[in-house]
Protein backbone atom coordinates (compact mmCIF):
# COMPACT_ATOMS: atom_id res chain seq x y z
CA UNK A 1 0.13 0.03 -0.09
CA UNK A 2 1.50 3.36 -0.76
CA UNK A 3 2.55 5.59 1.73
CA UNK A 4 0.09 8.41 1.20
CA UNK A 5 -3.04 5.82 0.98
CA UNK A 6 -1.46 4.65 4.74
CA UNK A 7 -1.58 7.94 5.82
CA UNK A 8 -4.90 8.65 4.74
CA UNK A 9 -6.32 5.18 6.57
CA UNK A 10 -4.80 6.06 9.65
CA UNK A 11 -6.23 10.21 9.80
CA UNK A 12 -10.08 8.03 9.28
CA UNK A 13 -9.10 5.93 12.30
CA UNK A 14 -8.10 9.69 13.95
CA UNK A 15 -11.08 11.27 12.11
CA UNK A 16 -13.66 8.17 13.31
CA UNK A 17 -12.56 8.87 16.79
CA UNK A 18 -13.16 12.70 16.78
CA UNK A 19 -16.67 11.96 15.10
CA UNK A 20 -17.93 10.13 18.19
CA UNK A 21 -17.34 13.30 20.64
CA UNK A 22 -16.92 15.83 18.69
CA UNK A 23 -17.39 18.64 20.98
CA UNK A 24 -14.35 17.70 23.21
CA UNK A 25 -11.81 17.78 20.08
CA UNK A 26 -10.25 21.12 18.69
CA UNK A 27 -11.52 22.04 15.31
CA UNK A 28 -9.49 21.05 12.96
CA UNK A 29 -7.63 23.64 10.02
CA UNK A 30 -8.61 22.90 6.23
CA UNK A 31 -6.02 21.18 4.00
CA UNK A 32 -2.92 23.19 3.63
CA UNK A 33 -2.85 24.90 0.41
CA UNK A 34 0.14 23.38 -1.47
CA UNK A 35 1.74 26.77 -2.32
CA UNK A 36 2.23 27.21 1.46
CA UNK A 37 3.63 23.74 2.29
CA UNK A 38 6.50 25.15 -0.82
CA UNK A 39 6.81 28.46 0.81
CA UNK A 40 7.56 26.65 4.13
CA UNK A 41 10.51 24.61 2.50
CA UNK A 42 12.10 27.35 0.53
CA UNK A 43 12.08 29.30 4.08
CA UNK A 44 13.62 26.63 5.62
CA UNK A 45 15.78 25.28 2.58
CA UNK A 46 14.82 21.82 3.06
CA UNK A 47 12.04 19.22 1.62
CA UNK A 48 9.24 18.28 3.44
CA UNK A 49 8.68 14.95 3.28
CA UNK A 50 6.13 12.96 1.02
CA UNK A 51 3.91 11.65 4.44
CA UNK A 52 3.80 14.95 6.23
CA UNK A 53 2.71 16.68 2.96
CA UNK A 54 -0.14 13.94 2.83
CA UNK A 55 -1.09 14.92 6.19
CA UNK A 56 -0.90 18.65 5.72
CA UNK A 57 -2.64 18.38 2.58
CA UNK A 58 -5.73 16.68 4.71
CA UNK A 59 -5.63 19.16 7.97
CA UNK A 60 -3.23 22.10 8.51
CA UNK A 61 -3.04 21.10 11.72
CA UNK A 62 -5.61 21.93 14.17
CA UNK A 63 -6.92 25.38 16.00
CA UNK A 64 -5.16 26.09 19.39
CA UNK A 65 -8.15 26.09 21.90
CA UNK A 66 -7.71 25.27 25.32
CA UNK A 67 -10.74 26.11 26.80
CA UNK A 68 -14.25 24.53 27.47
CA UNK A 69 -12.59 21.58 28.05
CA UNK A 70 -11.92 20.98 24.69
CA UNK A 71 -8.82 18.42 24.06
CA UNK A 72 -6.62 20.74 22.40
CA UNK A 73 -3.49 18.45 22.87
CA UNK A 74 -5.39 15.37 21.74
CA UNK A 75 -2.44 13.59 19.68
CA UNK A 76 -0.54 11.39 22.00
CA UNK A 77 -0.86 14.47 24.58
CA UNK A 78 0.12 17.29 21.70
CA UNK A 79 -1.58 20.32 19.79
CA UNK A 80 -1.61 18.98 16.19
CA UNK A 81 0.41 22.26 14.58
CA UNK A 82 -0.49 24.51 12.09
CA UNK A 83 2.54 25.48 9.39
CA UNK A 84 3.36 29.01 10.86
CA UNK A 85 3.78 27.29 14.42
CA UNK A 86 6.11 24.58 12.84
CA UNK A 87 7.76 26.86 11.19
CA UNK A 88 8.62 28.58 14.76
CA UNK A 89 9.25 26.10 16.26
CA UNK A 90 11.98 24.74 13.24
CA UNK A 91 13.71 28.28 13.76
CA UNK A 92 13.50 28.23 17.21
CA UNK A 93 15.40 24.80 17.69
CA UNK A 94 17.65 25.83 14.10
CA UNK A 95 18.53 29.10 15.88
CA UNK A 96 19.80 27.97 19.27
CA UNK A 97 21.51 24.97 17.20
CA UNK A 98 23.68 27.30 15.88
CA UNK A 99 24.67 28.74 19.51
CA UNK A 100 25.16 24.91 20.91
CA UNK A 101 21.91 25.54 23.48
CA UNK A 102 20.52 21.87 23.19
CA UNK A 103 23.78 19.63 23.30
CA UNK A 104 24.64 19.58 26.69
CA UNK A 105 20.53 19.32 27.22
CA UNK A 106 20.00 16.51 25.32
CA UNK A 107 23.39 14.83 24.64
CA UNK A 108 22.84 15.84 20.60
CA UNK A 109 21.93 18.84 18.88
CA UNK A 110 18.23 19.00 16.62
CA UNK A 111 19.01 18.41 13.06
CA UNK A 112 17.93 21.27 10.66
CA UNK A 113 16.14 18.58 8.69
CA UNK A 114 13.35 17.75 11.23
CA UNK A 115 9.82 19.79 10.83
CA UNK A 116 7.57 20.13 13.98
CA UNK A 117 4.38 18.13 13.41
CA UNK A 118 3.18 18.25 17.03
CA UNK A 119 4.11 20.83 20.40
CA UNK A 120 2.91 21.11 23.74
CA UNK A 121 4.06 24.62 25.00
CA UNK A 122 3.63 26.85 28.03
CA UNK A 123 3.26 29.91 26.24
CA UNK A 124 6.80 30.74 26.22
CA UNK A 125 8.00 27.60 25.52
CA UNK A 126 7.81 24.39 23.15
CA UNK A 127 8.52 21.87 25.85
CA UNK A 128 7.76 18.75 24.07
CA UNK A 129 6.74 17.53 20.79
CA UNK A 130 7.24 15.31 17.49
CA UNK A 131 8.78 15.85 14.32
CA UNK A 132 9.36 14.17 11.32
CA UNK A 133 12.67 13.16 9.63
CA UNK A 134 13.20 13.16 6.03
CA UNK A 135 12.93 9.76 5.70
CA UNK A 136 9.72 10.00 7.05
CA UNK A 137 10.22 8.85 10.52
CA UNK A 138 8.51 10.51 13.74
CA UNK A 139 10.90 11.34 16.53
CA UNK A 140 9.77 13.36 20.01
CA UNK A 141 11.53 16.07 21.88
CA UNK A 142 10.62 16.80 25.60
CA UNK A 143 12.89 19.04 28.25
CA UNK A 144 15.16 16.26 28.81
CA UNK A 145 15.42 13.76 25.62
CA UNK A 146 16.02 13.84 21.89
CA UNK A 147 14.48 10.46 20.64
CA UNK A 148 15.07 10.17 16.92
CA UNK A 149 12.91 7.84 14.63
CA UNK A 150 10.35 6.85 17.71
CA UNK A 151 7.73 5.89 15.06
CA UNK A 152 8.98 3.90 11.58
CA UNK A 153 6.65 5.89 9.62
CA UNK A 154 4.28 8.90 10.04
CA UNK A 155 1.07 6.25 9.30
CA UNK A 156 2.98 4.29 12.24
CA UNK A 157 2.87 7.36 14.51
CA UNK A 158 -0.86 8.25 13.77
CA UNK A 159 -2.13 4.47 13.98
CA UNK A 160 -0.78 4.97 17.40
CA UNK A 161 -2.67 7.91 18.23
CA UNK A 162 -6.00 6.80 16.80
CA UNK A 163 -5.37 3.36 19.16
CA UNK A 164 -5.20 5.69 22.15
CA UNK A 165 -8.06 7.71 21.31
């Protein structure tokens, strides 16, 4: 089965879970325009993996809603972020990478080819999240660890989310 189909099938499972309790999940954004994805690639001088391009073609994240009991953090405890937020986080980590601030904390540097797809924040700092690497694997970060290739594919990660929902 092609990667695009696996992403779509995994997302369909997530959508089914959301449809059972729609008032508890944040509203999903519309698909990301292909031009916006290309602009992100050009701005960050990187290539978006096809799996992530497919996911953002379904929904460009969710709106950041933190009130009324909504699960703004339904993606394994994280918010499903927009392209703008992914760009902001990527820039923040890459800028700090250039000054060596994360090597002591994580024992390794942030790879500029990693693209954030989820994040948890405290309104001032992105404390944890998940990213997609150039091969389409999903890694994670938090204030104590940086874990590359936590999930072998984005579809695997999305199925993991669906299983937990």
